[in-house]
Protein backbone atom coordinates (compact mmCIF):
# COMPACT_ATOMS: atom_id res chain seq x y z
CA MET A 1 -42.31 130.22 -216.59
CA ARG A 2 -39.36 132.38 -215.59
CA TRP A 3 -41.71 135.23 -214.56
CA ILE A 4 -43.25 132.97 -211.92
CA LEU A 5 -39.82 132.88 -210.27
CA ALA A 6 -38.67 136.42 -211.08
CA ILE A 7 -41.62 138.37 -209.64
CA PRO A 8 -41.47 136.89 -206.09
CA LEU A 9 -37.68 137.30 -206.02
CA ILE A 10 -37.97 140.98 -206.94
CA LEU A 11 -40.75 141.62 -204.43
CA PHE A 12 -38.94 139.82 -201.60
CA GLY A 13 -35.69 141.61 -202.45
CA ALA A 14 -37.39 145.00 -202.43
CA PHE A 15 -38.97 144.17 -199.06
CA LEU A 16 -35.64 143.14 -197.52
CA PHE A 17 -33.81 146.10 -199.07
CA SER A 18 -36.24 148.61 -197.57
CA LEU A 19 -36.62 146.89 -194.17
CA THR A 20 -34.96 148.47 -191.11
CA ILE A 21 -34.92 146.69 -187.75
CA ASP A 22 -33.48 148.54 -184.75
CA SER A 23 -32.78 145.44 -182.67
CA ILE A 24 -30.29 143.88 -185.10
CA GLY A 25 -28.03 146.94 -185.16
CA GLU A 26 -26.27 148.80 -187.94
CA ILE A 27 -24.24 145.82 -189.19
CA GLY A 28 -27.37 143.66 -189.35
CA ASN A 29 -29.20 146.30 -191.38
CA ILE A 30 -26.27 146.54 -193.80
CA ILE A 31 -26.28 142.74 -194.24
CA LEU A 32 -30.07 142.83 -194.75
CA ASN A 33 -29.64 145.49 -197.46
CA ILE A 34 -26.96 143.41 -199.20
CA VAL A 35 -29.15 140.29 -199.14
CA GLY A 36 -32.12 142.29 -200.42
CA PHE A 37 -30.05 143.74 -203.26
CA GLY A 38 -28.86 140.21 -204.10
CA PHE A 39 -32.46 139.00 -204.39
CA LEU A 40 -33.27 141.98 -206.62
CA LEU A 41 -30.28 141.23 -208.82
CA VAL A 42 -31.09 137.53 -209.15
CA GLY A 43 -34.73 138.33 -209.94
CA ALA A 44 -33.68 140.78 -212.64
CA ILE A 45 -31.26 138.27 -214.19
CA VAL A 46 -33.89 135.53 -214.21
CA GLY A 47 -36.47 137.89 -215.73
CA ARG A 48 -34.17 139.19 -218.46
CA ARG A 49 -32.79 135.81 -219.54
CA LYS A 50 -33.48 135.19 -223.22
CA LYS A 51 -34.89 131.98 -224.59
CA GLU A 52 -32.48 129.72 -226.39
CA GLN A 53 -33.17 129.14 -230.06
CA GLN A 54 -34.23 125.63 -230.98
CA SER A 55 -32.95 124.42 -234.34
């Protein structure tokens, strides 16, 4: 179930991280890269989370 959430987060993060838009300026591109990296990080954390043991 967690892969259903992790894969779109990673893909969207990679898209935002690699996107460059001239009209938003240098600061806007830096913010876009930070947001994209955040999506990548959250997707990786969700994908790597281990299942809890049930006793």
